[in-house]
Protein backbone atom coordinates (compact mmCIF):
# COMPACT_ATOMS: atom_id res chain seq x y z
CA MET A 1 83.95 69.32 114.03
CA VAL A 2 87.30 69.28 115.26
CA GLY A 3 88.38 65.89 114.27
CA PRO A 4 87.44 66.42 110.43
CA PHE A 5 89.18 70.06 110.51
CA LEU A 6 92.40 68.34 111.60
CA PHE A 7 91.90 65.53 108.93
CA GLY A 8 91.18 68.41 106.27
CA VAL A 9 94.30 70.35 107.34
CA GLY A 10 96.47 67.36 107.47
CA ALA A 11 95.03 66.04 103.77
CA PHE A 12 94.75 69.36 101.80
CA SER A 13 98.38 70.52 103.23
CA SER A 14 99.91 66.68 102.06
CA ILE A 15 98.31 67.48 98.61
CA ALA A 16 99.43 70.98 98.33
CA LEU A 17 102.71 70.13 99.63
CA ALA A 18 103.30 67.40 96.91
CA ILE A 19 101.99 69.47 94.40
CA GLY A 20 103.83 72.75 95.18
CA SER A 21 107.17 71.62 96.74
CA LEU A 22 108.05 67.70 97.11
CA PHE A 23 108.44 67.27 93.51
CA HIS A 24 110.44 70.50 93.03
CA LEU A 25 112.63 69.26 95.85
CA ILE A 26 113.40 65.86 94.58
CA ARG A 27 114.12 66.98 91.52
CA LEU A 28 116.71 69.43 93.08
CA VAL A 29 118.33 66.54 95.07
CA THR A 30 118.50 64.08 91.99
CA ASP A 31 119.67 66.64 89.21
CA PHE A 32 121.31 68.97 91.40
CA GLY A 33 122.57 67.58 94.09
CA LEU A 34 120.99 69.16 96.84
CA ASN A 35 122.02 67.54 100.16
CA PRO A 36 118.72 65.70 101.45
CA ALA A 37 119.24 66.90 104.71
CA ILE A 38 118.86 70.50 103.64
CA ALA A 39 115.71 69.31 101.35
CA VAL A 40 114.08 68.20 104.52
CA ARG A 41 114.66 71.51 106.21
CA VAL A 42 113.36 73.77 103.29
CA PHE A 43 110.29 71.52 103.04
CA VAL A 44 109.54 72.14 106.92
CA LEU A 45 110.21 75.60 106.33
CA GLN A 46 107.69 75.34 103.26
CA LEU A 47 105.12 73.99 105.36
CA PRO A 48 103.22 76.82 107.02
CA GLY A 49 102.99 78.48 103.65
CA PHE A 50 100.78 75.48 102.55
CA MET A 51 99.15 75.01 105.74
CA VAL A 52 97.62 78.59 105.68
CA TYR A 53 95.69 77.79 102.70
CA SER A 54 94.34 74.49 104.04
CA PHE A 55 92.70 75.90 107.02
CA PRO A 56 89.86 77.53 104.97
CA MET A 57 89.70 74.29 102.72
CA SER A 58 89.58 72.13 106.01
CA MET A 59 86.60 74.30 107.50
CA LEU A 60 84.56 73.52 104.45
CA LEU A 61 84.96 69.61 104.74
CA ALA A 62 84.34 70.18 108.71
CA THR A 63 81.39 71.61 108.78
CA MET A 64 80.02 69.53 105.50
CA LEU A 65 80.99 66.12 107.39
CA ALA A 66 79.92 67.29 111.06
CA TYR A 67 76.33 68.44 109.73
CA SER A 68 75.92 65.71 107.55
CA ARG A 69 76.54 63.06 110.16
CA LEU A 70 74.06 65.05 112.49
CA SER A 71 71.42 65.06 109.62
CA GLY A 72 72.21 61.01 108.54
CA ASP A 73 71.58 59.88 112.18
CA GLY A 74 68.52 61.94 112.49
CA GLU A 75 70.04 64.11 115.11
CA MET A 76 69.49 67.46 113.13
CA THR A 77 65.49 66.72 112.95
CA ALA A 78 65.43 65.61 116.49
CA LEU A 79 66.95 69.15 117.75
CA ARG A 80 64.90 71.27 114.96
CA SER A 81 61.81 69.17 116.32
CA CYS A 82 62.64 70.65 119.87
CA GLY A 83 62.72 73.79 118.59
CA ALA A 84 66.38 74.69 118.05
CA SER A 85 66.52 76.99 114.78
CA VAL A 86 68.72 76.40 112.03
CA ILE A 87 70.70 79.81 113.05
CA ARG A 88 71.07 78.16 116.46
CA LEU A 89 72.53 75.10 115.18
CA LEU A 90 75.01 77.25 112.77
CA VAL A 91 76.51 78.85 116.07
CA PRO A 92 79.32 76.12 116.81
CA ALA A 93 80.24 76.66 113.00
CA VAL A 94 80.77 80.20 113.19
CA VAL A 95 82.31 80.34 116.05
CA LEU A 96 84.77 77.50 115.07
CA SER A 97 85.23 79.55 111.67
CA LEU A 98 86.01 82.66 113.77
CA GLY A 99 88.58 81.00 115.81
CA VAL A 100 90.30 79.45 112.46
CA SER A 101 90.07 82.76 110.74
CA ALA A 102 92.05 84.40 113.85
CA LEU A 103 94.21 81.52 113.49
CA THR A 104 94.98 81.80 109.85
CA PHE A 105 95.66 85.65 110.47
CA ALA A 106 97.84 85.39 112.98
CA PHE A 107 99.95 82.11 111.29
CA ASN A 108 100.35 84.35 108.01
CA GLU A 109 101.32 87.40 110.02
CA ALA A 110 103.81 85.89 112.51
CA ILE A 111 104.94 82.62 110.90
CA VAL A 112 104.71 82.40 107.01
CA PRO A 113 106.87 85.46 105.92
CA THR A 114 109.89 84.39 108.14
CA ALA A 115 109.81 80.66 107.34
CA ASN A 116 109.31 81.36 103.64
CA THR A 117 112.19 84.02 103.72
CA TYR A 118 114.34 81.06 105.76
CA ALA A 119 113.33 78.40 102.88
CA GLU A 120 114.46 80.68 99.85
CA ASN A 121 117.77 81.80 101.72
CA THR A 122 118.52 78.30 102.56
CA LEU A 123 118.04 76.95 99.34
CA ARG A 124 119.81 79.69 97.39
CA ILE A 125 122.86 79.30 99.53
CA ALA A 126 122.90 75.42 99.28
CA LEU A 127 122.67 75.59 95.50
CA ASN A 128 125.44 78.13 95.67
CA GLU A 129 123.27 80.76 93.86
CA ASN A 130 125.01 84.32 92.85
CA LYS A 131 121.53 85.90 92.82
CA PRO A 132 121.87 89.29 95.20
CA THR A 133 119.19 89.68 97.66
CA PHE A 134 119.21 93.36 96.83
CA ARG A 135 118.37 95.23 93.91
CA ASP A 136 121.60 95.51 91.72
CA ARG A 137 120.73 97.99 88.92
CA ASN A 138 118.24 100.71 87.91
CA ILE A 139 117.38 102.14 91.28
CA PHE A 140 114.51 104.88 90.17
CA TYR A 141 113.04 106.49 93.21
CA GLN A 142 110.63 109.63 93.07
CA GLN A 143 110.10 112.06 96.19
CA PHE A 144 106.75 113.74 96.16
CA GLY A 145 105.77 116.38 98.85
CA ALA A 146 104.76 120.30 98.82
CA VAL A 147 106.48 122.35 96.37
CA VAL A 148 106.50 126.25 97.35
CA LEU A 149 106.27 128.14 93.61
CA PRO A 150 107.85 131.30 92.74
CA ASP A 151 104.96 133.25 93.04
CA GLY A 152 104.78 132.09 96.74
CA THR A 153 101.48 129.36 96.41
CA GLN A 154 102.22 126.13 97.63
CA GLU A 155 101.38 122.77 95.52
CA GLU A 156 100.84 119.64 97.15
CA ASN A 157 101.68 115.99 96.51
CA THR A 158 103.96 117.04 93.59
CA LEU A 159 107.23 115.85 92.13
CA VAL A 160 110.08 117.47 94.49
CA ARG A 161 113.06 114.84 93.31
CA SER A 162 113.92 112.42 91.19
CA PHE A 163 117.00 109.83 92.39
CA TYR A 164 118.51 107.43 89.73
CA ALA A 165 121.35 104.87 89.98
CA ARG A 166 122.32 102.78 87.34
CA ARG A 167 124.29 100.01 89.75
CA PHE A 168 123.95 99.14 93.35
CA ASP A 169 126.57 96.85 95.08
CA GLY A 170 125.27 96.26 98.38
CA ARG A 171 126.84 99.36 99.97
CA GLN A 172 126.95 102.20 97.45
CA MET A 173 124.90 103.26 94.61
CA LEU A 174 127.10 103.88 91.21
CA ASP A 175 126.26 106.13 88.38
CA VAL A 176 124.00 108.36 90.11
CA THR A 177 121.44 111.32 88.75
CA VAL A 178 119.53 113.54 91.15
CA LEU A 179 116.88 115.71 89.67
CA ASP A 180 115.49 118.75 91.75
CA TYR A 181 112.33 120.36 91.46
CA SER A 182 111.89 121.46 94.92
CA GLN A 183 110.78 125.04 93.49
CA GLY A 184 108.38 123.95 91.29
CA GLY A 185 110.52 123.19 87.95
CA LEU A 186 113.94 121.49 87.47
CA GLN A 187 116.38 123.80 89.26
CA GLN A 188 119.30 121.67 89.80
CA ILE A 189 121.27 118.04 88.37
CA LEU A 190 123.26 116.24 90.51
CA VAL A 191 125.35 113.42 88.36
CA ALA A 192 128.16 111.56 90.78
CA LYS A 193 129.82 108.68 90.26
CA SER A 194 128.92 107.11 93.80
CA ALA A 195 126.76 107.65 96.69
CA VAL A 196 126.59 106.29 99.92
CA TRP A 197 123.93 106.62 103.07
CA VAL A 198 125.95 107.71 106.12
CA PRO A 199 123.51 106.41 109.18
CA THR A 200 125.09 108.53 112.05
CA GLU A 201 124.63 111.57 110.05
CA ASN A 202 121.22 110.81 108.16
CA ILE A 203 122.65 112.15 104.97
CA TRP A 204 124.01 110.96 101.37
CA LEU A 205 127.50 111.33 100.64
CA PHE A 206 128.11 111.96 96.87
CA ARG A 207 131.80 111.14 95.66
CA ASP A 208 133.10 112.70 92.29
CA GLY A 209 130.23 114.50 90.80
CA THR A 210 129.03 117.70 88.91
CA ASN A 211 126.08 120.12 90.03
CA TYR A 212 124.66 121.83 87.53
CA VAL A 213 122.25 124.80 88.00
CA ILE A 214 119.48 125.45 85.70
CA GLY A 215 118.44 128.60 85.39
CA ALA A 216 114.76 130.27 84.31
CA ASP A 217 115.19 129.66 80.77
CA GLY A 218 116.48 126.21 81.03
CA SER A 219 119.87 127.10 80.38
CA TYR A 220 122.75 126.32 82.75
CA ARG A 221 123.40 128.97 85.02
CA SER A 222 126.67 127.31 86.57
CA ILE A 223 128.51 124.16 86.86
CA LEU A 224 130.23 123.54 89.70
CA ARG A 225 132.59 120.12 90.02
CA PHE A 226 132.81 118.56 93.43
CA ASP A 227 134.96 115.53 95.26
CA ARG A 228 132.68 114.81 98.24
CA GLN A 229 129.45 116.48 98.71
CA ARG A 230 126.79 115.77 101.66
CA LEU A 231 123.06 116.33 100.73
CA ARG A 232 120.07 115.67 103.62
CA LEU A 233 118.14 113.78 101.43
CA PRO A 234 115.57 110.72 102.08
CA ARG A 235 116.89 107.21 102.51
CA ALA A 236 114.19 105.71 100.75
CA PRO A 237 116.20 105.24 97.57
CA LEU A 238 118.65 102.80 99.78
CA ASP A 239 115.54 100.82 101.50
CA PHE A 240 113.60 100.46 97.68
CA ALA A 241 117.30 99.05 96.73
CA GLN A 242 117.55 96.58 99.59
CA GLU A 243 114.16 95.22 99.64
CA GLN A 244 114.35 92.21 97.54
CA ARG A 245 111.57 89.90 99.11
CA ASN A 246 108.58 88.71 97.35
CA PRO A 247 104.72 89.42 98.94
CA GLU A 248 104.67 86.00 100.50
CA GLN A 249 107.76 86.93 102.49
CA MET A 250 106.39 89.98 104.03
CA ASN A 251 103.42 90.80 106.66
CA ILE A 252 100.82 93.43 106.17
CA ARG A 253 103.17 95.95 107.81
CA GLU A 254 106.41 95.38 105.71
CA LEU A 255 104.28 95.27 102.73
CA SER A 256 102.63 98.30 103.09
CA ARG A 257 105.72 100.13 103.79
CA TYR A 258 107.20 98.52 100.50
CA ILE A 259 103.99 99.73 98.40
CA ALA A 260 104.70 103.06 99.65
CA LEU A 261 108.14 102.86 98.23
CA VAL A 262 107.31 101.08 95.08
CA GLY A 263 104.62 104.03 94.49
CA GLN A 264 107.29 106.60 94.76
CA SER A 265 109.61 104.72 92.61
CA GLY A 266 106.61 105.59 89.63
CA ASN A 267 106.15 102.02 88.98
CA ALA A 268 102.42 102.36 89.18
CA LYS A 269 101.79 98.73 87.65
CA GLU A 270 103.90 97.04 90.22
CA SER A 271 102.22 99.07 93.03
CA ARG A 272 98.81 98.21 91.49
CA LYS A 273 99.56 94.27 91.79
CA LEU A 274 101.00 94.97 95.20
CA GLU A 275 97.89 96.92 96.54
CA VAL A 276 95.73 93.56 95.46
CA GLN A 277 97.91 91.21 97.44
CA LEU A 278 97.81 93.09 100.57
CA GLN A 279 94.14 93.14 100.60
CA GLN A 280 94.53 89.42 100.12
CA LYS A 281 96.20 89.04 103.14
CA TYR A 282 93.08 90.55 104.98
CA ALA A 283 90.67 88.46 102.64
CA LEU A 284 92.39 85.32 102.95
CA PRO A 285 91.46 84.33 106.69
CA PHE A 286 87.90 85.29 106.28
CA ILE A 287 87.26 82.53 103.81
CA CYS A 288 87.02 80.16 106.63
CA VAL A 289 84.03 81.94 107.47
CA VAL A 290 82.69 81.99 103.76
CA PHE A 291 83.46 77.96 103.72
CA ALA A 292 81.66 77.43 107.14
CA THR A 293 78.34 79.29 105.84
CA ILE A 294 78.53 77.31 102.49
CA GLY A 295 79.47 74.02 104.29
CA SER A 296 76.97 73.88 107.15
CA PRO A 297 73.93 74.04 104.72
CA LEU A 298 75.13 71.72 102.29
CA GLY A 299 75.80 69.23 105.11
CA MET A 300 72.34 69.81 106.72
CA ARG A 301 70.56 68.03 103.72
CA PRO A 302 68.80 64.86 104.41
CA GLN A 303 71.06 62.40 102.51
CA ARG A 304 73.91 61.80 104.46
CA THR A 305 77.53 62.27 103.24
CA SER A 306 80.44 59.89 103.35
CA SER A 307 83.92 60.98 104.24
CA ALA A 308 85.09 60.18 100.60
CA LYS A 309 82.08 62.04 98.88
CA GLY A 310 82.42 65.12 101.26
CA PHE A 311 86.11 65.54 100.36
CA GLY A 312 85.24 64.92 96.52
CA LEU A 313 82.40 67.82 97.01
CA SER A 314 84.87 70.38 99.05
CA VAL A 315 87.66 69.80 96.17
CA LEU A 316 85.28 70.82 93.74
CA ILE A 317 84.13 73.90 95.80
CA ILE A 318 87.27 74.86 96.67
CA PHE A 319 88.72 74.61 92.85
CA GLY A 320 85.86 76.64 92.04
CA TYR A 321 86.53 78.97 94.58
CA TYR A 322 90.21 79.59 94.01
CA LEU A 323 89.60 79.69 90.25
CA LEU A 324 87.45 83.01 90.86
CA LEU A 325 89.93 84.29 93.24
CA PHE A 326 92.51 84.22 90.62
CA VAL A 327 90.25 85.99 88.24
CA CYS A 328 89.39 88.55 90.37
CA ARG A 329 92.77 89.23 91.66
CA ALA A 330 93.91 89.71 87.69
CA LEU A 331 91.03 92.06 87.38
CA GLY A 332 92.52 94.29 90.15
CA GLU A 333 95.98 94.16 88.66
CA VAL A 334 94.59 95.41 85.28
CA GLU A 335 92.36 98.10 86.95
CA VAL A 336 89.11 96.39 86.08
CA LEU A 337 88.26 96.21 89.77
CA SER A 338 89.87 98.26 92.51
CA PRO A 339 91.98 96.62 95.00
CA TRP A 340 89.83 95.88 97.34
CA TRP A 341 87.12 94.64 95.39
CA GLY A 342 89.88 92.23 93.27
CA ALA A 343 90.54 90.86 96.87
CA TRP A 344 87.34 90.69 98.54
CA LEU A 345 84.83 89.83 95.78
CA PRO A 346 85.06 86.00 96.17
CA ASN A 347 84.26 86.36 99.76
CA VAL A 348 81.04 88.74 99.25
CA LEU A 349 79.69 86.19 96.47
CA GLY A 350 80.61 83.16 98.76
CA LEU A 351 79.03 84.45 101.77
CA GLY A 352 75.95 85.36 99.32
CA THR A 353 75.66 81.83 98.56
CA GLY A 354 76.22 80.81 101.84
CA ILE A 355 73.50 82.61 103.02
CA PHE A 356 71.27 81.58 100.17
CA LEU A 357 72.21 77.93 100.83
CA ILE A 358 71.28 78.94 104.77
CA GLY A 359 67.62 80.49 103.75
CA ARG A 360 66.82 77.02 101.38
CA VAL A 361 67.28 74.99 104.67
CA THR A 362 65.44 77.19 106.76
């Protein structure tokens, strides 16, 4: 079973790389003058990202071919006549699929994000692209927490403060506005030309600004101008501005942290999309187990499947499965399904199909 699995990894990775990376890099070399050595480096760095998707596909192909050969040579009949049940015969496939699932998870957490980041940065530098590695405009962050109201009661999970910067140059925020709701209503408005985070003091330093203190009736109670003002506010707006990676360049911990930042910024649509992608990072490795439960009973059928036929059938199953995966992901992003179901529904349906096929063989 290991041999067909390795064959599948090579075959599926080659196809995916040719479609998703190789043609694009060749075009960059011929049309934009990309150095071939750099193109090869980017190609190698992108390889882990494609391999991690080939593991589940290879698991399907390996189980189909291995059990098909046993069935075609009559060994499956001999084993069952000796009292070996179908469940017992499936144990090697399940054990291998669990091992490949663990490998897929480790690959996706430890190697793929770093490799994808290096690949993008290498390509950007080689092509002299001036795209900043940070969010350079319209930084909007909302801080939520407990607020003590004027009557002494406490309100949980409510808006405490809004932070907005029109521009960010990588070091300081420019054209900054801060709205303070820490006492229940709008109490204060701070407008400054710039703000910079001071890590040694864990504070924000605002320059050339004005404080507007708002009265209970909504009028300006006082207006105070300042040259420099220090405020102990969260560092989160800076973290939000500096994070410009996509989910494929983050592991689960980093993506979870980024989702919290995006949620605080008030971008519910983007937050929902990222939550679905976070669940998919958990669901992707489990596809190996799903494909093992589908491929094993298909291979146990009486007729023997050749490598070519097995590969073709695997491609059809994979195409249908990933089509369902993309549909469920879209339904999760538009809130028809929850983030969990948007990522896990294909696995649930696939596992149910595998169990049904095993029942038929039994």
